[in-house]
Amino acid sequence: MIAEYYRRVGVYLQFISKEVTSIYLGMDLLLGYKMADNEWDELLVTAPNYKKVDFHLMKLLSMHYLRWCNLLDSGNNIVLQFRDIYEPMIKLFERGGGQISTHHHELVGGFGAFSRSIDARRGDMKPFDISDKALKIIIKEVEFAEAYLVE
C-alpha cells in the first residue's frame, strides 16, 4: 500500500511539475495552501483521540487527508483529479499498518524500507492493486509462507 501511495504521489508531482516531496509534507501544501499556526492544536481539541496515537506519521497523514477532503468538498479542480491520493495510506492504517517507524531517512516495517522522499518518477510505475480482494490474496500468501517457515 505504501508503494501505491508513492506511485499516486508521483503522478501528482508530475502533474504539478515538482520533482520530489517528503512523506511528511501534505499534498495540500504543495498546492500552496498554508496551515494556520494553531491548526495542529485545534485538531487535537476537535479530535482528542489523536493524542493517544503514538505514531507521528499517522497523525500527519491523517491531518493532511482531512485537509484534502476539505479541498475536495470545496471543489478544487486539481484536488478533484487526485481525490484518492491518500487512499492507500488510509487503508494501511485501517488494517493495522501503523507499525511503521522512521530510521535513517526511511520508513521501516516488516515489509522492508521506503525512502522518506517521494520522487516524481514513481508516477511512471504501474498501479498496484490494493482492492480488498487483492489484499486478501496477498494476506493468504503471507500466512502460507509464515506457516511454511514455522514447519
N, C-alpha and C. Protein backbone atom coordinates (compact mmCIF):
# COMPACT_ATOMS: atom_id res chain seq x y z
N MET A 1 0.82 -1.18 0.00
CA MET A 1 0.00 0.00 0.00
C MET A 1 0.88 1.26 0.00
N ILE A 2 2.03 1.15 0.64
CA ILE A 2 2.94 2.30 0.63
C ILE A 2 3.44 2.55 -0.79
N ALA A 3 3.77 1.49 -1.51
CA ALA A 3 4.24 1.65 -2.89
C ALA A 3 3.18 2.31 -3.75
N GLU A 4 1.91 1.96 -3.55
CA GLU A 4 0.83 2.57 -4.33
C GLU A 4 0.65 4.04 -3.94
N TYR A 5 0.79 4.36 -2.66
CA TYR A 5 0.72 5.75 -2.25
C TYR A 5 1.85 6.55 -2.91
N TYR A 6 3.05 6.01 -2.89
CA TYR A 6 4.19 6.69 -3.51
C TYR A 6 3.95 6.87 -5.02
N ARG A 7 3.35 5.87 -5.65
CA ARG A 7 3.07 5.96 -7.08
C ARG A 7 2.07 7.09 -7.34
N ARG A 8 1.00 7.13 -6.54
CA ARG A 8 -0.02 8.17 -6.72
C ARG A 8 0.56 9.56 -6.48
N VAL A 9 1.40 9.67 -5.47
CA VAL A 9 2.04 10.96 -5.21
C VAL A 9 2.95 11.31 -6.39
N GLY A 10 3.64 10.32 -6.96
CA GLY A 10 4.49 10.56 -8.13
C GLY A 10 3.70 11.11 -9.31
N VAL A 11 2.54 10.55 -9.55
CA VAL A 11 1.67 11.05 -10.64
C VAL A 11 1.26 12.50 -10.35
N TYR A 12 0.91 12.76 -9.12
CA TYR A 12 0.52 14.11 -8.70
C TYR A 12 1.69 15.08 -8.86
N LEU A 13 2.88 14.66 -8.44
CA LEU A 13 4.06 15.52 -8.58
C LEU A 13 4.33 15.86 -10.04
N GLN A 14 4.18 14.87 -10.90
CA GLN A 14 4.38 15.12 -12.33
C GLN A 14 3.37 16.15 -12.83
N PHE A 15 2.14 16.03 -12.36
CA PHE A 15 1.08 16.93 -12.79
C PHE A 15 1.37 18.37 -12.38
N ILE A 16 1.88 18.55 -11.15
CA ILE A 16 2.14 19.91 -10.66
C ILE A 16 3.58 20.35 -10.95
N SER A 17 4.31 19.56 -11.72
CA SER A 17 5.69 19.88 -12.13
C SER A 17 6.64 20.07 -10.95
N LYS A 18 6.59 19.13 -10.05
CA LYS A 18 7.50 19.12 -8.90
C LYS A 18 8.25 17.80 -8.91
N GLU A 19 9.55 17.82 -8.66
CA GLU A 19 10.37 16.62 -8.78
C GLU A 19 10.31 15.69 -7.57
N VAL A 20 10.20 16.25 -6.38
CA VAL A 20 10.27 15.41 -5.19
C VAL A 20 9.53 16.08 -4.04
N THR A 21 9.07 15.27 -3.10
CA THR A 21 8.46 15.77 -1.88
C THR A 21 8.80 14.82 -0.74
N SER A 22 8.44 15.19 0.44
CA SER A 22 8.67 14.38 1.63
C SER A 22 7.39 13.66 2.01
N ILE A 23 7.53 12.49 2.59
CA ILE A 23 6.36 11.76 3.09
C ILE A 23 5.61 12.59 4.13
N TYR A 24 6.31 13.50 4.79
CA TYR A 24 5.71 14.30 5.85
C TYR A 24 4.97 15.53 5.33
N LEU A 25 5.15 15.87 4.09
CA LEU A 25 4.54 17.08 3.54
C LEU A 25 3.18 16.74 2.93
N GLY A 26 2.17 17.47 3.30
CA GLY A 26 0.83 17.23 2.78
C GLY A 26 0.69 17.69 1.34
N MET A 27 -0.12 16.96 0.59
CA MET A 27 -0.34 17.31 -0.81
C MET A 27 -1.03 18.65 -0.95
N ASP A 28 -1.80 19.04 0.05
CA ASP A 28 -2.45 20.36 0.06
C ASP A 28 -1.41 21.47 0.11
N LEU A 29 -0.34 21.26 0.86
CA LEU A 29 0.71 22.28 0.97
C LEU A 29 1.44 22.47 -0.35
N LEU A 30 1.53 21.42 -1.15
CA LEU A 30 2.20 21.52 -2.45
C LEU A 30 1.41 22.39 -3.42
N LEU A 31 0.14 22.59 -3.12
CA LEU A 31 -0.69 23.47 -3.95
C LEU A 31 -0.64 24.91 -3.45
N GLY A 32 0.12 25.14 -2.40
CA GLY A 32 0.24 26.50 -1.89
C GLY A 32 -0.65 26.82 -0.70
N TYR A 33 -1.43 25.85 -0.24
CA TYR A 33 -2.27 26.09 0.93
C TYR A 33 -1.40 26.10 2.17
N LYS A 34 -1.66 27.02 3.05
CA LYS A 34 -0.88 27.18 4.27
C LYS A 34 -1.65 26.61 5.46
N MET A 35 -0.89 26.23 6.47
CA MET A 35 -1.51 25.78 7.71
C MET A 35 -1.47 26.93 8.70
N ALA A 36 -2.57 27.10 9.41
CA ALA A 36 -2.60 28.11 10.47
C ALA A 36 -1.63 27.67 11.57
N ASP A 37 -1.07 28.64 12.27
CA ASP A 37 -0.11 28.32 13.32
C ASP A 37 -0.68 27.39 14.38
N ASN A 38 -1.95 27.51 14.66
CA ASN A 38 -2.56 26.71 15.71
C ASN A 38 -3.39 25.54 15.17
N GLU A 39 -3.26 25.23 13.89
CA GLU A 39 -4.11 24.20 13.29
C GLU A 39 -3.92 22.83 13.95
N TRP A 40 -2.68 22.48 14.23
CA TRP A 40 -2.42 21.18 14.86
C TRP A 40 -3.06 21.13 16.24
N ASP A 41 -2.94 22.20 17.02
CA ASP A 41 -3.53 22.24 18.36
C ASP A 41 -5.05 22.16 18.29
N GLU A 42 -5.63 22.84 17.31
CA GLU A 42 -7.08 22.78 17.14
C GLU A 42 -7.55 21.38 16.77
N LEU A 43 -6.78 20.68 15.94
CA LEU A 43 -7.14 19.32 15.58
C LEU A 43 -7.15 18.42 16.81
N LEU A 44 -6.19 18.61 17.70
CA LEU A 44 -6.13 17.79 18.92
C LEU A 44 -7.28 18.10 19.87
N VAL A 45 -7.86 19.29 19.75
CA VAL A 45 -9.04 19.63 20.55
C VAL A 45 -10.29 19.01 19.93
N THR A 46 -10.45 19.15 18.60
CA THR A 46 -11.65 18.62 17.94
C THR A 46 -11.60 17.10 17.78
N ALA A 47 -10.42 16.54 17.76
CA ALA A 47 -10.26 15.08 17.64
C ALA A 47 -9.28 14.61 18.73
N PRO A 48 -9.74 14.57 19.98
CA PRO A 48 -8.83 14.28 21.10
C PRO A 48 -8.20 12.89 21.05
N ASN A 49 -8.77 11.97 20.30
CA ASN A 49 -8.17 10.63 20.21
C ASN A 49 -6.81 10.64 19.52
N TYR A 50 -6.53 11.70 18.77
CA TYR A 50 -5.22 11.81 18.13
C TYR A 50 -4.09 11.85 19.15
N LYS A 51 -4.39 12.38 20.34
CA LYS A 51 -3.37 12.46 21.38
C LYS A 51 -2.86 11.08 21.76
N LYS A 52 -3.73 10.07 21.66
CA LYS A 52 -3.36 8.71 22.06
C LYS A 52 -2.53 7.99 20.99
N VAL A 53 -2.56 8.48 19.77
CA VAL A 53 -1.81 7.84 18.68
C VAL A 53 -0.33 8.15 18.86
N ASP A 54 0.46 7.11 19.00
CA ASP A 54 1.90 7.29 19.23
C ASP A 54 2.67 7.04 17.94
N PHE A 55 2.22 7.67 16.87
CA PHE A 55 2.87 7.49 15.58
C PHE A 55 2.72 8.79 14.80
N HIS A 56 3.77 9.58 14.79
CA HIS A 56 3.74 10.92 14.22
C HIS A 56 3.30 10.92 12.75
N LEU A 57 3.82 9.98 11.94
CA LEU A 57 3.46 9.95 10.52
C LEU A 57 1.97 9.73 10.33
N MET A 58 1.37 8.85 11.14
CA MET A 58 -0.06 8.59 11.02
C MET A 58 -0.85 9.86 11.35
N LYS A 59 -0.42 10.57 12.37
CA LYS A 59 -1.11 11.82 12.73
C LYS A 59 -1.01 12.83 11.59
N LEU A 60 0.20 13.00 11.05
CA LEU A 60 0.38 13.98 9.98
C LEU A 60 -0.42 13.62 8.73
N LEU A 61 -0.32 12.37 8.30
CA LEU A 61 -1.04 11.98 7.09
C LEU A 61 -2.55 12.09 7.29
N SER A 62 -3.03 11.75 8.47
CA SER A 62 -4.46 11.86 8.74
C SER A 62 -4.90 13.32 8.70
N MET A 63 -4.10 14.20 9.27
CA MET A 63 -4.45 15.62 9.24
C MET A 63 -4.46 16.15 7.81
N HIS A 64 -3.44 15.78 7.03
CA HIS A 64 -3.40 16.25 5.65
C HIS A 64 -4.53 15.62 4.83
N TYR A 65 -4.89 14.39 5.14
CA TYR A 65 -6.03 13.76 4.47
C TYR A 65 -7.30 14.55 4.75
N LEU A 66 -7.51 14.96 5.99
CA LEU A 66 -8.71 15.74 6.33
C LEU A 66 -8.70 17.08 5.61
N ARG A 67 -7.53 17.70 5.51
CA ARG A 67 -7.42 18.96 4.77
C ARG A 67 -7.72 18.72 3.29
N TRP A 68 -7.24 17.59 2.74
CA TRP A 68 -7.51 17.22 1.35
C TRP A 68 -9.01 17.07 1.13
N CYS A 69 -9.69 16.42 2.09
CA CYS A 69 -11.14 16.25 2.00
C CYS A 69 -11.86 17.59 1.98
N ASN A 70 -11.36 18.55 2.77
CA ASN A 70 -11.96 19.89 2.75
C ASN A 70 -11.80 20.53 1.37
N LEU A 71 -10.64 20.34 0.75
CA LEU A 71 -10.44 20.89 -0.60
C LEU A 71 -11.32 20.17 -1.62
N LEU A 72 -11.53 18.87 -1.42
CA LEU A 72 -12.46 18.13 -2.28
C LEU A 72 -13.86 18.73 -2.17
N ASP A 73 -14.29 18.92 -0.93
CA ASP A 73 -15.62 19.48 -0.69
C ASP A 73 -15.78 20.87 -1.28
N SER A 74 -14.68 21.63 -1.33
CA SER A 74 -14.76 22.99 -1.88
C SER A 74 -14.73 22.99 -3.40
N GLY A 75 -14.47 21.81 -4.02
CA GLY A 75 -14.49 21.71 -5.47
C GLY A 75 -13.20 22.12 -6.16
N ASN A 76 -12.08 22.08 -5.45
CA ASN A 76 -10.79 22.43 -6.05
C ASN A 76 -10.52 21.52 -7.24
N ASN A 77 -10.29 22.11 -8.42
CA ASN A 77 -10.15 21.34 -9.66
C ASN A 77 -8.98 20.36 -9.65
N ILE A 78 -7.85 20.75 -9.11
CA ILE A 78 -6.70 19.84 -9.06
C ILE A 78 -6.96 18.70 -8.09
N VAL A 79 -7.47 19.03 -6.93
CA VAL A 79 -7.74 18.01 -5.91
C VAL A 79 -8.78 17.00 -6.42
N LEU A 80 -9.77 17.49 -7.17
CA LEU A 80 -10.78 16.58 -7.72
C LEU A 80 -10.16 15.53 -8.66
N GLN A 81 -9.07 15.89 -9.33
CA GLN A 81 -8.40 14.95 -10.22
C GLN A 81 -7.60 13.90 -9.46
N PHE A 82 -7.27 14.18 -8.20
CA PHE A 82 -6.46 13.28 -7.39
C PHE A 82 -7.15 12.95 -6.07
N ARG A 83 -8.46 12.76 -6.17
CA ARG A 83 -9.28 12.59 -4.99
C ARG A 83 -8.85 11.42 -4.10
N ASP A 84 -8.33 10.35 -4.67
CA ASP A 84 -7.99 9.15 -3.90
C ASP A 84 -6.50 9.03 -3.60
N ILE A 85 -5.77 10.12 -3.61
CA ILE A 85 -4.32 10.05 -3.43
C ILE A 85 -3.95 9.44 -2.08
N TYR A 86 -4.73 9.70 -1.04
CA TYR A 86 -4.42 9.20 0.30
C TYR A 86 -5.00 7.81 0.58
N GLU A 87 -5.81 7.29 -0.30
CA GLU A 87 -6.49 6.01 -0.06
C GLU A 87 -5.55 4.89 0.39
N PRO A 88 -4.41 4.67 -0.25
CA PRO A 88 -3.55 3.57 0.18
C PRO A 88 -3.07 3.69 1.63
N MET A 89 -2.71 4.89 2.06
CA MET A 89 -2.23 5.05 3.43
C MET A 89 -3.38 4.93 4.43
N ILE A 90 -4.53 5.45 4.09
CA ILE A 90 -5.68 5.31 4.99
C ILE A 90 -6.03 3.83 5.14
N LYS A 91 -6.03 3.09 4.03
CA LYS A 91 -6.29 1.65 4.09
C LYS A 91 -5.25 0.93 4.94
N LEU A 92 -4.01 1.34 4.78
CA LEU A 92 -2.93 0.73 5.57
C LEU A 92 -3.18 0.92 7.06
N PHE A 93 -3.54 2.14 7.45
CA PHE A 93 -3.79 2.42 8.86
C PHE A 93 -5.05 1.70 9.34
N GLU A 94 -6.09 1.66 8.51
CA GLU A 94 -7.33 0.96 8.89
C GLU A 94 -7.08 -0.53 9.14
N ARG A 95 -6.13 -1.09 8.41
CA ARG A 95 -5.83 -2.51 8.53
C ARG A 95 -4.74 -2.80 9.56
N GLY A 96 -4.43 -1.80 10.39
CA GLY A 96 -3.46 -2.02 11.45
C GLY A 96 -2.02 -1.80 11.05
N GLY A 97 -1.80 -1.09 9.97
CA GLY A 97 -0.44 -0.89 9.47
C GLY A 97 0.30 0.27 10.10
N GLY A 98 -0.03 0.59 11.33
CA GLY A 98 0.64 1.69 12.00
C GLY A 98 1.95 1.29 12.66
N GLN A 99 2.48 0.13 12.32
CA GLN A 99 3.72 -0.35 12.93
C GLN A 99 4.95 0.11 12.17
N ILE A 100 4.82 1.19 11.44
CA ILE A 100 5.92 1.73 10.64
C ILE A 100 6.71 2.68 11.53
N SER A 101 8.00 2.69 11.35
CA SER A 101 8.81 3.68 12.05
C SER A 101 9.73 4.33 11.02
N THR A 102 10.37 5.41 11.44
CA THR A 102 11.34 6.04 10.55
C THR A 102 12.72 5.85 11.17
N HIS A 103 13.66 5.51 10.31
CA HIS A 103 15.02 5.26 10.75
C HIS A 103 15.96 5.61 9.60
N HIS A 104 16.93 6.46 9.85
CA HIS A 104 17.90 6.85 8.83
C HIS A 104 17.23 7.29 7.53
N HIS A 105 16.27 8.18 7.64
CA HIS A 105 15.57 8.75 6.48
C HIS A 105 14.78 7.72 5.68
N GLU A 106 14.31 6.68 6.34
CA GLU A 106 13.50 5.67 5.66
C GLU A 106 12.29 5.31 6.52
N LEU A 107 11.21 4.90 5.84
CA LEU A 107 10.09 4.28 6.53
C LEU A 107 10.43 2.81 6.63
N VAL A 108 10.37 2.26 7.82
CA VAL A 108 10.79 0.89 8.04
C VAL A 108 9.65 0.12 8.69
N GLY A 109 9.48 -1.12 8.25
CA GLY A 109 8.49 -2.01 8.83
C GLY A 109 8.81 -3.43 8.42
N GLY A 110 7.91 -4.35 8.69
CA GLY A 110 8.14 -5.75 8.33
C GLY A 110 8.25 -5.96 6.83
N PHE A 111 7.88 -4.95 6.06
CA PHE A 111 7.85 -5.03 4.60
C PHE A 111 9.18 -4.64 3.97
N GLY A 112 10.08 -4.04 4.73
CA GLY A 112 11.31 -3.51 4.17
C GLY A 112 11.39 -2.03 4.46
N ALA A 113 11.90 -1.26 3.53
CA ALA A 113 12.07 0.17 3.77
C ALA A 113 11.72 0.98 2.52
N PHE A 114 11.22 2.18 2.76
CA PHE A 114 10.92 3.16 1.71
C PHE A 114 11.58 4.47 2.11
N SER A 115 12.10 5.17 1.14
CA SER A 115 12.68 6.48 1.39
C SER A 115 11.61 7.45 1.89
N ARG A 116 12.00 8.40 2.72
CA ARG A 116 11.06 9.43 3.14
C ARG A 116 10.81 10.43 2.02
N SER A 117 11.67 10.43 1.03
CA SER A 117 11.48 11.30 -0.14
C SER A 117 10.71 10.54 -1.20
N ILE A 118 9.74 11.21 -1.78
CA ILE A 118 8.94 10.60 -2.85
C ILE A 118 9.28 11.33 -4.14
N ASP A 119 9.80 10.60 -5.10
CA ASP A 119 10.26 11.15 -6.37
C ASP A 119 9.12 11.09 -7.40
N ALA A 120 9.05 12.10 -8.24
CA ALA A 120 8.01 12.14 -9.28
C ALA A 120 8.09 10.94 -10.21
N ARG A 121 9.27 10.35 -10.37
CA ARG A 121 9.40 9.19 -11.26
C ARG A 121 8.59 7.99 -10.78
N ARG A 122 8.20 8.00 -9.51
CA ARG A 122 7.33 6.92 -9.01
C ARG A 122 6.03 6.88 -9.80
N GLY A 123 5.64 8.02 -10.33
CA GLY A 123 4.40 8.10 -11.10
C GLY A 123 4.45 7.32 -12.40
N ASP A 124 5.64 6.88 -12.82
CA ASP A 124 5.78 6.09 -14.05
C ASP A 124 5.51 4.60 -13.82
N MET A 125 5.39 4.20 -12.57
CA MET A 125 5.16 2.78 -12.26
C MET A 125 3.73 2.37 -12.59
N LYS A 126 3.54 1.08 -12.79
CA LYS A 126 2.18 0.56 -12.98
C LYS A 126 1.45 0.61 -11.64
N PRO A 127 0.14 0.86 -11.66
CA PRO A 127 -0.62 0.88 -10.40
C PRO A 127 -0.58 -0.49 -9.71
N PHE A 128 -0.59 -0.44 -8.38
CA PHE A 128 -0.67 -1.65 -7.57
C PHE A 128 -2.13 -1.86 -7.21
N ASP A 129 -2.59 -3.09 -7.29
CA ASP A 129 -3.97 -3.41 -6.95
C ASP A 129 -4.10 -3.48 -5.43
N ILE A 130 -4.79 -2.52 -4.84
CA ILE A 130 -4.99 -2.52 -3.40
C ILE A 130 -6.46 -2.75 -3.04
N SER A 131 -7.18 -3.38 -3.96
CA SER A 131 -8.57 -3.71 -3.68
C SER A 131 -8.62 -4.73 -2.53
N ASP A 132 -9.74 -4.81 -1.87
CA ASP A 132 -9.88 -5.76 -0.77
C ASP A 132 -9.61 -7.19 -1.24
N LYS A 133 -10.08 -7.51 -2.43
CA LYS A 133 -9.86 -8.86 -2.97
C LYS A 133 -8.37 -9.15 -3.15
N ALA A 134 -7.65 -8.21 -3.73
CA ALA A 134 -6.21 -8.40 -3.95
C ALA A 134 -5.47 -8.49 -2.62
N LEU A 135 -5.86 -7.66 -1.66
CA LEU A 135 -5.19 -7.68 -0.36
C LEU A 135 -5.45 -8.99 0.38
N LYS A 136 -6.65 -9.55 0.23
CA LYS A 136 -6.93 -10.86 0.85
C LYS A 136 -6.03 -11.94 0.28
N ILE A 137 -5.81 -11.91 -1.01
CA ILE A 137 -4.92 -12.89 -1.65
C ILE A 137 -3.50 -12.74 -1.12
N ILE A 138 -3.04 -11.52 -1.02
CA ILE A 138 -1.68 -11.28 -0.51
C ILE A 138 -1.55 -11.76 0.93
N ILE A 139 -2.56 -11.49 1.74
CA ILE A 139 -2.54 -11.93 3.15
C ILE A 139 -2.48 -13.45 3.22
N LYS A 140 -3.26 -14.12 2.40
CA LYS A 140 -3.24 -15.60 2.38
C LYS A 140 -1.86 -16.11 1.99
N GLU A 141 -1.24 -15.47 1.00
CA GLU A 141 0.10 -15.88 0.58
C GLU A 141 1.12 -15.70 1.70
N VAL A 142 1.02 -14.60 2.41
CA VAL A 142 1.94 -14.33 3.53
C VAL A 142 1.71 -15.34 4.65
N GLU A 143 0.44 -15.59 4.97
CA GLU A 143 0.14 -16.57 6.02
C GLU A 143 0.66 -17.96 5.65
N PHE A 144 0.51 -18.33 4.38
CA PHE A 144 1.02 -19.62 3.91
C PHE A 144 2.54 -19.69 4.06
N ALA A 145 3.22 -18.61 3.66
CA ALA A 145 4.69 -18.56 3.75
C ALA A 145 5.14 -18.61 5.21
N GLU A 146 4.44 -17.91 6.07
CA GLU A 146 4.80 -17.91 7.50
C GLU A 146 4.60 -19.30 8.11
N ALA A 147 3.51 -19.97 7.74
CA ALA A 147 3.25 -21.32 8.26
C ALA A 147 4.32 -22.28 7.76
N TYR A 148 4.73 -22.11 6.53
CA TYR A 148 5.79 -22.96 5.95
C TYR A 148 7.10 -22.75 6.71
N LEU A 149 7.41 -21.51 7.04
CA LEU A 149 8.66 -21.22 7.76
C LEU A 149 8.63 -21.82 9.17
N VAL A 150 7.47 -21.85 9.78
CA VAL A 150 7.34 -22.43 11.13
C VAL A 150 7.62 -23.92 11.07
N GLU A 151 7.13 -24.59 10.02
CA GLU A 151 7.37 -26.03 9.87
C GLU A 151 8.84 -26.27 9.67
